Amino acid sequence: MGADWKNFRADAKRMEERIKELSQFGANSDGGVSRVAFSDADVEGRRYIRSLMEKAGLKVRVDAAGNIIGHREGRNPKLPVILFGSHIDSVPHGGNYDGDLGVLGG
């Protein structure tokens, strides 16, 4: 079931919870993450992001480069397209917000 977009609002608590959930994939003992591109932790994180997009009612696909694309049709096709982009992979011992905030905020 998709989200009720008419009543959708930004929610700082929900964002904090999602960042905390995503940071579990590749979590390390110093409080950061090690989610190197295409590692097991990255693949698990991608699976998590895809599930959030699907639960929100987005049409989800993965392109040849591994980018996860969530699409929602607008109500007026004459209006310009809005795009958001970021990443969830990290350098070894990266921060919890590196890329995650951009993905989850979008």
PDB file of N, CA and C in Angstrom:
ATOM      1  N   MET A   1       0.842  -1.182   0.000  1.00  0.00           N
ATOM      2  CA  MET A   1       0.000   0.000   0.000  1.00  0.00           C
ATOM      3  C   MET A   1       0.880   1.235   0.000  1.00  0.00           C
ATOM      4  N   GLY A   2       0.561   2.188  -0.843  1.00  0.00           N
ATOM      5  CA  GLY A   2       1.349   3.401  -0.973  1.00  0.00           C
ATOM      6  C   GLY A   2       1.022   4.439   0.077  1.00  0.00           C
ATOM      7  N   ALA A   3       1.864   5.427   0.127  1.00  0.00           N
ATOM      8  CA  ALA A   3       1.697   6.522   1.082  1.00  0.00           C
ATOM      9  C   ALA A   3       0.530   7.405   0.666  1.00  0.00           C
ATOM     10  N   ASP A   4      -0.081   8.049   1.636  1.00  0.00           N
ATOM     11  CA  ASP A   4      -1.107   9.046   1.378  1.00  0.00           C
ATOM     12  C   ASP A   4      -0.369  10.369   1.163  1.00  0.00           C
ATOM     13  N   TRP A   5       0.004  10.654  -0.086  1.00  0.00           N
ATOM     14  CA  TRP A   5       0.852  11.804  -0.398  1.00  0.00           C
ATOM     15  C   TRP A   5       0.189  13.121  -0.044  1.00  0.00           C
ATOM     16  N   LYS A   6      -1.126  13.183  -0.083  1.00  0.00           N
ATOM     17  CA  LYS A   6      -1.834  14.430   0.229  1.00  0.00           C
ATOM     18  C   LYS A   6      -1.548  14.871   1.660  1.00  0.00           C
ATOM     19  N   ASN A   7      -1.406  13.912   2.560  1.00  0.00           N
ATOM     20  CA  ASN A   7      -1.185  14.224   3.971  1.00  0.00           C
ATOM     21  C   ASN A   7       0.259  13.990   4.418  1.00  0.00           C
ATOM     22  N   PHE A   8       1.159  13.766   3.470  1.00  0.00           N
ATOM     23  CA  PHE A   8       2.549  13.485   3.813  1.00  0.00           C
ATOM     24  C   PHE A   8       3.237  14.748   4.311  1.00  0.00           C
ATOM     25  N   ARG A   9       3.948  14.629   5.412  1.00  0.00           N
ATOM     26  CA  ARG A   9       4.686  15.753   5.996  1.00  0.00           C
ATOM     27  C   ARG A   9       6.075  15.284   6.408  1.00  0.00           C
ATOM     28  N   ALA A  10       7.028  16.198   6.331  1.00  0.00           N
ATOM     29  CA  ALA A  10       8.371  15.902   6.833  1.00  0.00           C
ATOM     30  C   ALA A  10       8.270  15.654   8.334  1.00  0.00           C
ATOM     31  N   ASP A  11       9.037  14.706   8.820  1.00  0.00           N
ATOM     32  CA  ASP A  11       8.968  14.321  10.227  1.00  0.00           C
ATOM     33  C   ASP A  11      10.383  14.023  10.718  1.00  0.00           C
ATOM     34  N   ALA A  12      10.925  14.901  11.548  1.00  0.00           N
ATOM     35  CA  ALA A  12      12.306  14.755  12.028  1.00  0.00           C
ATOM     36  C   ALA A  12      12.508  13.455  12.798  1.00  0.00           C
ATOM     37  N   LYS A  13      11.519  13.050  13.585  1.00  0.00           N
ATOM     38  CA  LYS A  13      11.652  11.815  14.365  1.00  0.00           C
ATOM     39  C   LYS A  13      11.728  10.601  13.436  1.00  0.00           C
ATOM     40  N   ARG A  14      10.862  10.585  12.423  1.00  0.00           N
ATOM     41  CA  ARG A  14      10.879   9.476  11.459  1.00  0.00           C
ATOM     42  C   ARG A  14      12.224   9.449  10.723  1.00  0.00           C
ATOM     43  N   MET A  15      12.731  10.623  10.341  1.00  0.00           N
ATOM     44  CA  MET A  15      14.024  10.699   9.653  1.00  0.00           C
ATOM     45  C   MET A  15      15.136  10.150  10.541  1.00  0.00           C
ATOM     46  N   GLU A  16      15.134  10.529  11.802  1.00  0.00           N
ATOM     47  CA  GLU A  16      16.142  10.037  12.748  1.00  0.00           C
ATOM     48  C   GLU A  16      16.069   8.518  12.879  1.00  0.00           C
ATOM     49  N   GLU A  17      14.844   7.972  12.949  1.00  0.00           N
ATOM     50  CA  GLU A  17      14.666   6.521  13.057  1.00  0.00           C
ATOM     51  C   GLU A  17      15.194   5.810  11.813  1.00  0.00           C
ATOM     52  N   ARG A  18      14.898   6.352  10.634  1.00  0.00           N
ATOM     53  CA  ARG A  18      15.349   5.729   9.383  1.00  0.00           C
ATOM     54  C   ARG A  18      16.874   5.775   9.271  1.00  0.00           C
ATOM     55  N   ILE A  19      17.487   6.892   9.674  1.00  0.00           N
ATOM     56  CA  ILE A  19      18.951   6.990   9.638  1.00  0.00           C
ATOM     57  C   ILE A  19      19.554   5.966  10.588  1.00  0.00           C
ATOM     58  N   LYS A  20      18.956   5.827  11.760  1.00  0.00           N
ATOM     59  CA  LYS A  20      19.446   4.850  12.744  1.00  0.00           C
ATOM     60  C   LYS A  20      19.310   3.433  12.186  1.00  0.00           C
ATOM     61  N   GLU A  21      18.178   3.136  11.541  1.00  0.00           N
ATOM     62  CA  GLU A  21      17.967   1.810  10.954  1.00  0.00           C
ATOM     63  C   GLU A  21      18.986   1.547   9.841  1.00  0.00           C
ATOM     64  N   LEU A  22      19.175   2.514   8.945  1.00  0.00           N
ATOM     65  CA  LEU A  22      20.110   2.332   7.839  1.00  0.00           C
ATOM     66  C   LEU A  22      21.542   2.205   8.339  1.00  0.00           C
ATOM     67  N   SER A  23      21.875   2.897   9.415  1.00  0.00           N
ATOM     68  CA  SER A  23      23.249   2.852   9.931  1.00  0.00           C
ATOM     69  C   SER A  23      23.606   1.495  10.536  1.00  0.00           C
ATOM     70  N   GLN A  24      22.632   0.621  10.732  1.00  0.00           N
ATOM     71  CA  GLN A  24      22.918  -0.723  11.243  1.00  0.00           C
ATOM     72  C   GLN A  24      23.593  -1.597  10.188  1.00  0.00           C
ATOM     73  N   PHE A  25      23.406  -1.250   8.911  1.00  0.00           N
ATOM     74  CA  PHE A  25      24.026  -2.017   7.829  1.00  0.00           C
ATOM     75  C   PHE A  25      25.459  -1.523   7.666  1.00  0.00           C
ATOM     76  N   GLY A  26      26.403  -2.295   8.171  1.00  0.00           N
ATOM     77  CA  GLY A  26      27.810  -1.914   8.119  1.00  0.00           C
ATOM     78  C   GLY A  26      28.274  -1.154   9.346  1.00  0.00           C
ATOM     79  N   ALA A  27      27.471  -1.189  10.416  1.00  0.00           N
ATOM     80  CA  ALA A  27      27.848  -0.473  11.646  1.00  0.00           C
ATOM     81  C   ALA A  27      29.184  -0.988  12.166  1.00  0.00           C
ATOM     82  N   ASN A  28      30.004  -0.071  12.675  1.00  0.00           N
ATOM     83  CA  ASN A  28      31.258  -0.493  13.287  1.00  0.00           C
ATOM     84  C   ASN A  28      31.336   0.008  14.727  1.00  0.00           C
ATOM     85  N   SER A  29      32.301  -0.469  15.451  1.00  0.00           N
ATOM     86  CA  SER A  29      32.375  -0.241  16.902  1.00  0.00           C
ATOM     87  C   SER A  29      32.612   1.213  17.296  1.00  0.00           C
ATOM     88  N   ASP A  30      33.086   2.053  16.376  1.00  0.00           N
ATOM     89  CA  ASP A  30      33.321   3.452  16.736  1.00  0.00           C
ATOM     90  C   ASP A  30      32.105   4.343  16.486  1.00  0.00           C
ATOM     91  N   GLY A  31      30.971   3.737  16.137  1.00  0.00           N
ATOM     92  CA  GLY A  31      29.736   4.491  15.950  1.00  0.00           C
ATOM     93  C   GLY A  31      29.484   4.923  14.523  1.00  0.00           C
ATOM     94  N   GLY A  32      30.410   4.662  13.628  1.00  0.00           N
ATOM     95  CA  GLY A  32      30.224   4.994  12.222  1.00  0.00           C
ATOM     96  C   GLY A  32      29.792   3.780  11.426  1.00  0.00           C
ATOM     97  N   VAL A  33      29.947   3.872  10.120  1.00  0.00           N
ATOM     98  CA  VAL A  33      29.598   2.757   9.243  1.00  0.00           C
ATOM     99  C   VAL A  33      30.729   2.490   8.261  1.00  0.00           C
ATOM    100  N   SER A  34      30.826   1.245   7.851  1.00  0.00           N
ATOM    101  CA  SER A  34      31.716   0.830   6.768  1.00  0.00           C
ATOM    102  C   SER A  34      30.840   0.106   5.760  1.00  0.00           C
ATOM    103  N   ARG A  35      30.334   0.856   4.796  1.00  0.00           N
ATOM    104  CA  ARG A  35      29.420   0.313   3.794  1.00  0.00           C
ATOM    105  C   ARG A  35      30.008   0.615   2.410  1.00  0.00           C
ATOM    106  N   VAL A  36      31.113  -0.053   2.125  1.00  0.00           N
ATOM    107  CA  VAL A  36      31.819   0.141   0.858  1.00  0.00           C
ATOM    108  C   VAL A  36      30.918  -0.329  -0.287  1.00  0.00           C
ATOM    109  N   ALA A  37      30.964   0.365  -1.403  1.00  0.00           N
ATOM    110  CA  ALA A  37      30.096   0.053  -2.544  1.00  0.00           C
ATOM    111  C   ALA A  37      30.148  -1.427  -2.909  1.00  0.00           C
ATOM    112  N   PHE A  38      28.958  -2.015  -3.042  1.00  0.00           N
ATOM    113  CA  PHE A  38      28.733  -3.399  -3.451  1.00  0.00           C
ATOM    114  C   PHE A  38      29.205  -4.438  -2.432  1.00  0.00           C
ATOM    115  N   SER A  39      29.543  -3.999  -1.221  1.00  0.00           N
ATOM    116  CA  SER A  39      29.840  -4.944  -0.134  1.00  0.00           C
ATOM    117  C   SER A  39      28.520  -5.543   0.347  1.00  0.00           C
ATOM    118  N   ASP A  40      28.593  -6.573   1.180  1.00  0.00           N
ATOM    119  CA  ASP A  40      27.367  -7.166   1.730  1.00  0.00           C
ATOM    120  C   ASP A  40      26.546  -6.117   2.469  1.00  0.00           C
ATOM    121  N   ALA A  41      27.214  -5.252   3.249  1.00  0.00           N
ATOM    122  CA  ALA A  41      26.501  -4.214   4.003  1.00  0.00           C
ATOM    123  C   ALA A  41      25.807  -3.236   3.060  1.00  0.00           C
ATOM    124  N   ASP A  42      26.453  -2.890   1.955  1.00  0.00           N
ATOM    125  CA  ASP A  42      25.861  -1.984   0.975  1.00  0.00           C
ATOM    126  C   ASP A  42      24.651  -2.630   0.317  1.00  0.00           C
ATOM    127  N   VAL A  43      24.776  -3.889  -0.052  1.00  0.00           N
ATOM    128  CA  VAL A  43      23.657  -4.607  -0.680  1.00  0.00           C
ATOM    129  C   VAL A  43      22.469  -4.676   0.282  1.00  0.00           C
ATOM    130  N   GLU A  44      22.722  -4.957   1.562  1.00  0.00           N
ATOM    131  CA  GLU A  44      21.647  -4.993   2.561  1.00  0.00           C
ATOM    132  C   GLU A  44      21.019  -3.613   2.727  1.00  0.00           C
ATOM    133  N   GLY A  45      21.844  -2.574   2.761  1.00  0.00           N
ATOM    134  CA  GLY A  45      21.329  -1.208   2.861  1.00  0.00           C
ATOM    135  C   GLY A  45      20.485  -0.836   1.660  1.00  0.00           C
ATOM    136  N   ARG A  46      20.927  -1.239   0.478  1.00  0.00           N
ATOM    137  CA  ARG A  46      20.157  -0.977  -0.740  1.00  0.00           C
ATOM    138  C   ARG A  46      18.803  -1.678  -0.689  1.00  0.00           C
ATOM    139  N   ARG A  47      18.802  -2.903  -0.184  1.00  0.00           N
ATOM    140  CA  ARG A  47      17.550  -3.654  -0.045  1.00  0.00           C
ATOM    141  C   ARG A  47      16.587  -2.899   0.881  1.00  0.00           C
ATOM    142  N   TYR A  48      17.136  -2.366   1.980  1.00  0.00           N
ATOM    143  CA  TYR A  48      16.334  -1.598   2.942  1.00  0.00           C
ATOM    144  C   TYR A  48      15.746  -0.346   2.276  1.00  0.00           C
ATOM    145  N   ILE A  49      16.573   0.400   1.553  1.00  0.00           N
ATOM    146  CA  ILE A  49      16.105   1.616   0.877  1.00  0.00           C
ATOM    147  C   ILE A  49      15.022   1.278  -0.141  1.00  0.00           C
ATOM    148  N   ARG A  50      15.244   0.226  -0.896  1.00  0.00           N
ATOM    149  CA  ARG A  50      14.247  -0.187  -1.891  1.00  0.00           C
ATOM    150  C   ARG A  50      12.916  -0.524  -1.216  1.00  0.00           C
ATOM    151  N   SER A  51      12.972  -1.212  -0.080  1.00  0.00           N
ATOM    152  CA  SER A  51      11.727  -1.566   0.616  1.00  0.00           C
ATOM    153  C   SER A  51      10.997  -0.316   1.102  1.00  0.00           C
ATOM    154  N   LEU A  52      11.737   0.690   1.575  1.00  0.00           N
ATOM    155  CA  LEU A  52      11.090   1.942   1.989  1.00  0.00           C
ATOM    156  C   LEU A  52      10.411   2.623   0.805  1.00  0.00           C
ATOM    157  N   MET A  53      11.071   2.618  -0.333  1.00  0.00           N
ATOM    158  CA  MET A  53      10.496   3.236  -1.531  1.00  0.00           C
ATOM    159  C   MET A  53       9.227   2.506  -1.962  1.00  0.00           C
ATOM    160  N   GLU A  54       9.278   1.182  -1.937  1.00  0.00           N
ATOM    161  CA  GLU A  54       8.108   0.398  -2.327  1.00  0.00           C
ATOM    162  C   GLU A  54       6.954   0.621  -1.362  1.00  0.00           C
ATOM    163  N   LYS A  55       7.252   0.659  -0.053  1.00  0.00           N
ATOM    164  CA  LYS A  55       6.204   0.914   0.942  1.00  0.00           C
ATOM    165  C   LYS A  55       5.577   2.289   0.752  1.00  0.00           C
ATOM    166  N   ALA A  56       6.364   3.228   0.237  1.00  0.00           N
ATOM    167  CA  ALA A  56       5.859   4.580  -0.012  1.00  0.00           C
ATOM    168  C   ALA A  56       5.048   4.664  -1.303  1.00  0.00           C
ATOM    169  N   GLY A  57       4.973   3.554  -2.033  1.00  0.00           N
ATOM    170  CA  GLY A  57       4.176   3.534  -3.247  1.00  0.00           C
ATOM    171  C   GLY A  57       4.912   4.003  -4.492  1.00  0.00           C
ATOM    172  N   LEU A  58       6.241   4.101  -4.423  1.00  0.00           N
ATOM    173  CA  LEU A  58       7.010   4.502  -5.596  1.00  0.00           C
ATOM    174  C   LEU A  58       7.200   3.312  -6.532  1.00  0.00           C
ATOM    175  N   LYS A  59       7.287   3.582  -7.820  1.00  0.00           N
ATOM    176  CA  LYS A  59       7.691   2.565  -8.789  1.00  0.00           C
ATOM    177  C   LYS A  59       9.205   2.515  -8.694  1.00  0.00           C
ATOM    178  N   VAL A  60       9.747   1.350  -8.393  1.00  0.00           N
ATOM    179  CA  VAL A  60      11.181   1.229  -8.127  1.00  0.00           C
ATOM    180  C   VAL A  60      11.846   0.375  -9.197  1.00  0.00           C
ATOM    181  N   ARG A  61      13.003   0.852  -9.652  1.00  0.00           N
ATOM    182  CA  ARG A  61      13.815   0.063 -10.578  1.00  0.00           C
ATOM    183  C   ARG A  61      15.283   0.302 -10.248  1.00  0.00           C
ATOM    184  N   VAL A  62      16.123  -0.597 -10.708  1.00  0.00           N
ATOM    185  CA  VAL A  62      17.568  -0.482 -10.536  1.00  0.00           C
ATOM    186  C   VAL A  62      18.178  -0.433 -11.927  1.00  0.00           C
ATOM    187  N   ASP A  63      18.994   0.590 -12.196  1.00  0.00           N
ATOM    188  CA  ASP A  63      19.595   0.708 -13.524  1.00  0.00           C
ATOM    189  C   ASP A  63      20.860  -0.142 -13.637  1.00  0.00           C
ATOM    190  N   ALA A  64      21.490  -0.113 -14.800  1.00  0.00           N
ATOM    191  CA  ALA A  64      22.658  -0.957 -15.072  1.00  0.00           C
ATOM    192  C   ALA A  64      23.841  -0.644 -14.160  1.00  0.00           C
ATOM    193  N   ALA A  65      23.902   0.568 -13.619  1.00  0.00           N
ATOM    194  CA  ALA A  65      24.994   0.953 -12.717  1.00  0.00           C
ATOM    195  C   ALA A  65      24.674   0.644 -11.257  1.00  0.00           C
ATOM    196  N   GLY A  66      23.486   0.104 -10.996  1.00  0.00           N
ATOM    197  CA  GLY A  66      23.106  -0.237  -9.628  1.00  0.00           C
ATOM    198  C   GLY A  66      22.385   0.868  -8.888  1.00  0.00           C
ATOM    199  N   ASN A  67      22.083   1.976  -9.572  1.00  0.00           N
ATOM    200  CA  ASN A  67      21.333   3.058  -8.937  1.00  0.00           C
ATOM    201  C   ASN A  67      19.892   2.637  -8.715  1.00  0.00           C
ATOM    202  N   ILE A  68      19.366   2.924  -7.546  1.00  0.00           N
ATOM    203  CA  ILE A  68      17.968   2.631  -7.229  1.00  0.00           C
ATOM    204  C   ILE A  68      17.167   3.879  -7.565  1.00  0.00           C
ATOM    205  N   ILE A  69      16.161   3.709  -8.395  1.00  0.00           N
ATOM    206  CA  ILE A  69      15.369   4.843  -8.850  1.00  0.00           C
ATOM    207  C   ILE A  69      13.928   4.631  -8.422  1.00  0.00           C
ATOM    208  N   GLY A  70      13.422   5.556  -7.623  1.00  0.00           N
ATOM    209  CA  GLY A  70      12.024   5.533  -7.198  1.00  0.00           C
ATOM    210  C   GLY A  70      11.280   6.619  -7.948  1.00  0.00           C
ATOM    211  N   HIS A  71      10.161   6.278  -8.551  1.00  0.00           N
ATOM    212  CA  HIS A  71       9.426   7.220  -9.393  1.00  0.00           C
ATOM    213  C   HIS A  71       7.990   7.362  -8.913  1.00  0.00           C
ATOM    214  N   ARG A  72       7.548   8.586  -8.857  1.00  0.00           N
ATOM    215  CA  ARG A  72       6.150   8.884  -8.540  1.00  0.00           C
ATOM    216  C   ARG A  72       5.642   9.842  -9.601  1.00  0.00           C
ATOM    217  N   GLU A  73       4.562   9.473 -10.257  1.00  0.00           N
ATOM    218  CA  GLU A  73       3.951  10.334 -11.269  1.00  0.00           C
ATOM    219  C   GLU A  73       3.407  11.587 -10.606  1.00  0.00           C
ATOM    220  N   GLY A  74       3.614  12.696 -11.259  1.00  0.00           N
ATOM    221  CA  GLY A  74       3.002  13.937 -10.794  1.00  0.00           C
ATOM    222  C   GLY A  74       1.572  14.034 -11.290  1.00  0.00           C
ATOM    223  N   ARG A  75       0.860  15.004 -10.784  1.00  0.00           N
ATOM    224  CA  ARG A  75      -0.527  15.187 -11.219  1.00  0.00           C
ATOM    225  C   ARG A  75      -0.628  16.039 -12.477  1.00  0.00           C
ATOM    226  N   ASN A  76       0.410  16.841 -12.732  1.00  0.00           N
ATOM    227  CA  ASN A  76       0.384  17.726 -13.889  1.00  0.00           C
ATOM    228  C   ASN A  76       1.650  17.495 -14.720  1.00  0.00           C
ATOM    229  N   PRO A  77       1.527  16.789 -15.855  1.00  0.00           N
ATOM    230  CA  PRO A  77       2.711  16.466 -16.659  1.00  0.00           C
ATOM    231  C   PRO A  77       3.386  17.690 -17.282  1.00  0.00           C
ATOM    232  N   LYS A  78       2.742  18.850 -17.245  1.00  0.00           N
ATOM    233  CA  LYS A  78       3.335  20.068 -17.798  1.00  0.00           C
ATOM    234  C   LYS A  78       4.343  20.704 -16.841  1.00  0.00           C
ATOM    235  N   LEU A  79       4.292  20.316 -15.581  1.00  0.00           N
ATOM    236  CA  LEU A  79       5.234  20.867 -14.606  1.00  0.00           C
ATOM    237  C   LEU A  79       6.590  20.185 -14.742  1.00  0.00           C
ATOM    238  N   PRO A  80       7.672  20.878 -14.362  1.00  0.00           N
ATOM    239  CA  PRO A  80       8.996  20.254 -14.463  1.00  0.00           C
ATOM    240  C   PRO A  80       9.165  19.097 -13.487  1.00  0.00           C
ATOM    241  N   VAL A  81      10.072  18.213 -13.844  1.00  0.00           N
ATOM    242  CA  VAL A  81      10.402  17.051 -13.017  1.00  0.00           C
ATOM    243  C   VAL A  81      11.261  17.507 -11.840  1.00  0.00           C
ATOM    244  N   ILE A  82      11.084  16.878 -10.691  1.00  0.00           N
ATOM    245  CA  ILE A  82      11.921  17.134  -9.517  1.00  0.00           C
ATOM    246  C   ILE A  82      12.728  15.867  -9.256  1.00  0.00           C
ATOM    247  N   LEU A  83      14.032  16.014  -9.103  1.00  0.00           N
ATOM    248  CA  LEU A  83      14.921  14.878  -8.857  1.00  0.00           C
ATOM    249  C   LEU A  83      15.684  15.070  -7.556  1.00  0.00           C
ATOM    250  N   PHE A  84      15.923  13.975  -6.855  1.00  0.00           N
ATOM    251  CA  PHE A  84      16.776  13.952  -5.669  1.00  0.00           C
ATOM    252  C   PHE A  84      17.800  12.853  -5.891  1.00  0.00           C
ATOM    253  N   GLY A  85      19.014  13.061  -5.445  1.00  0.00           N
ATOM    254  CA  GLY A  85      20.014  12.021  -5.600  1.00  0.00           C
ATOM    255  C   GLY A  85      21.064  12.071  -4.508  1.00  0.00           C
ATOM    256  N   SER A  86      21.533  10.910  -4.120  1.00  0.00           N
ATOM    257  CA  SER A  86      22.602  10.802  -3.140  1.00  0.00           C
ATOM    258  C   SER A  86      23.106   9.367  -3.163  1.00  0.00           C
ATOM    259  N   HIS A  87      23.779   8.938  -2.115  1.00  0.00           N
ATOM    260  CA  HIS A  87      24.354   7.594  -2.058  1.00  0.00           C
ATOM    261  C   HIS A  87      24.283   7.075  -0.630  1.00  0.00           C
ATOM    262  N   ILE A  88      24.311   5.745  -0.483  1.00  0.00           N
ATOM    263  CA  ILE A  88      24.352   5.169   0.867  1.00  0.00           C
ATOM    264  C   ILE A  88      25.634   4.404   1.120  1.00  0.00           C
ATOM    265  N   ASP A  89      26.466   4.223   0.086  1.00  0.00           N
ATOM    266  CA  ASP A  89      27.749   3.576   0.349  1.00  0.00           C
ATOM    267  C   ASP A  89      28.647   4.566   1.090  1.00  0.00           C
ATOM    268  N   SER A  90      29.701   4.063   1.699  1.00  0.00           N
ATOM    269  CA  SER A  90      30.578   4.932   2.485  1.00  0.00           C
ATOM    270  C   SER A  90      32.030   4.492   2.341  1.00  0.00           C
ATOM    271  N   VAL A  91      32.906   5.343   2.782  1.00  0.00           N
ATOM    272  CA  VAL A  91      34.306   4.946   2.933  1.00  0.00           C
ATOM    273  C   VAL A  91      34.378   4.090   4.191  1.00  0.00           C
ATOM    274  N   PRO A  92      35.433   3.304   4.378  1.00  0.00           N
ATOM    275  CA  PRO A  92      35.572   2.570   5.641  1.00  0.00           C
ATOM    276  C   PRO A  92      35.568   3.552   6.819  1.00  0.00           C
ATOM    277  N   HIS A  93      34.799   3.242   7.821  1.00  0.00           N
ATOM    278  CA  HIS A  93      34.655   4.065   9.027  1.00  0.00           C
ATOM    279  C   HIS A  93      34.098   5.450   8.705  1.00  0.00           C
ATOM    280  N   GLY A  94      33.131   5.498   7.796  1.00  0.00           N
ATOM    281  CA  GLY A  94      32.477   6.754   7.442  1.00  0.00           C
ATOM    282  C   GLY A  94      31.437   7.140   8.484  1.00  0.00           C
ATOM    283  N   GLY A  95      30.868   8.312   8.298  1.00  0.00           N
ATOM    284  CA  GLY A  95      29.854   8.814   9.220  1.00  0.00           C
ATOM    285  C   GLY A  95      28.471   8.290   8.884  1.00  0.00           C
ATOM    286  N   ASN A  96      27.583   8.311   9.876  1.00  0.00           N
ATOM    287  CA  ASN A  96      26.217   7.810   9.697  1.00  0.00           C
ATOM    288  C   ASN A  96      25.387   8.666   8.744  1.00  0.00           C
ATOM    289  N   TYR A  97      25.782   9.923   8.547  1.00  0.00           N
ATOM    290  CA  TYR A  97      24.982  10.818   7.711  1.00  0.00           C
ATOM    291  C   TYR A  97      25.537  10.954   6.297  1.00  0.00           C
ATOM    292  N   ASP A  98      26.685  10.375   6.026  1.00  0.00           N
ATOM    293  CA  ASP A  98      27.343  10.514   4.729  1.00  0.00           C
ATOM    294  C   ASP A  98      26.496   9.884   3.633  1.00  0.00           C
ATOM    295  N   GLY A  99      25.756  10.697   2.925  1.00  0.00           N
ATOM    296  CA  GLY A  99      24.899  10.212   1.854  1.00  0.00           C
ATOM    297  C   GLY A  99      23.524   9.781   2.322  1.00  0.00           C
ATOM    298  N   ASP A 100      23.456   9.140   3.477  1.00  0.00           N
ATOM    299  CA  ASP A 100      22.178   8.618   3.979  1.00  0.00           C
ATOM    300  C   ASP A 100      21.134   9.719   4.124  1.00  0.00           C
ATOM    301  N   LEU A 101      21.546  10.851   4.639  1.00  0.00           N
ATOM    302  CA  LEU A 101      20.611  11.954   4.857  1.00  0.00           C
ATOM    303  C   LEU A 101      20.008  12.415   3.537  1.00  0.00           C
ATOM    304  N   GLY A 102      20.829  12.482   2.491  1.00  0.00           N
ATOM    305  CA  GLY A 102      20.332  12.887   1.183  1.00  0.00           C
ATOM    306  C   GLY A 102      19.362  11.887   0.587  1.00  0.00           C
ATOM    307  N   VAL A 103      19.646  10.611   0.744  1.00  0.00           N
ATOM    308  CA  VAL A 103      18.757   9.569   0.222  1.00  0.00           C
ATOM    309  C   VAL A 103      17.438   9.575   0.982  1.00  0.00           C
ATOM    310  N   LEU A 104      17.508   9.536   2.293  1.00  0.00           N
ATOM    311  CA  LEU A 104      16.294   9.453   3.103  1.00  0.00           C
ATOM    312  C   LEU A 104      15.506  10.759   3.086  1.00  0.00           C
ATOM    313  N   GLY A 105      16.189  11.875   2.983  1.00  0.00           N
ATOM    314  CA  GLY A 105      15.510  13.163   2.898  1.00  0.00           C
ATOM    315  C   GLY A 105      14.773  13.346   1.586  1.00  0.00           C
ATOM    316  N   GLY A 106      15.309  12.741   0.525  1.00  0.00           N
ATOM    317  CA  GLY A 106      14.678  12.835  -0.794  1.00  0.00           C
ATOM    318  C   GLY A 106      13.413  12.038  -0.833  1.00  0.00           C
TER     319      GLY A 106
END
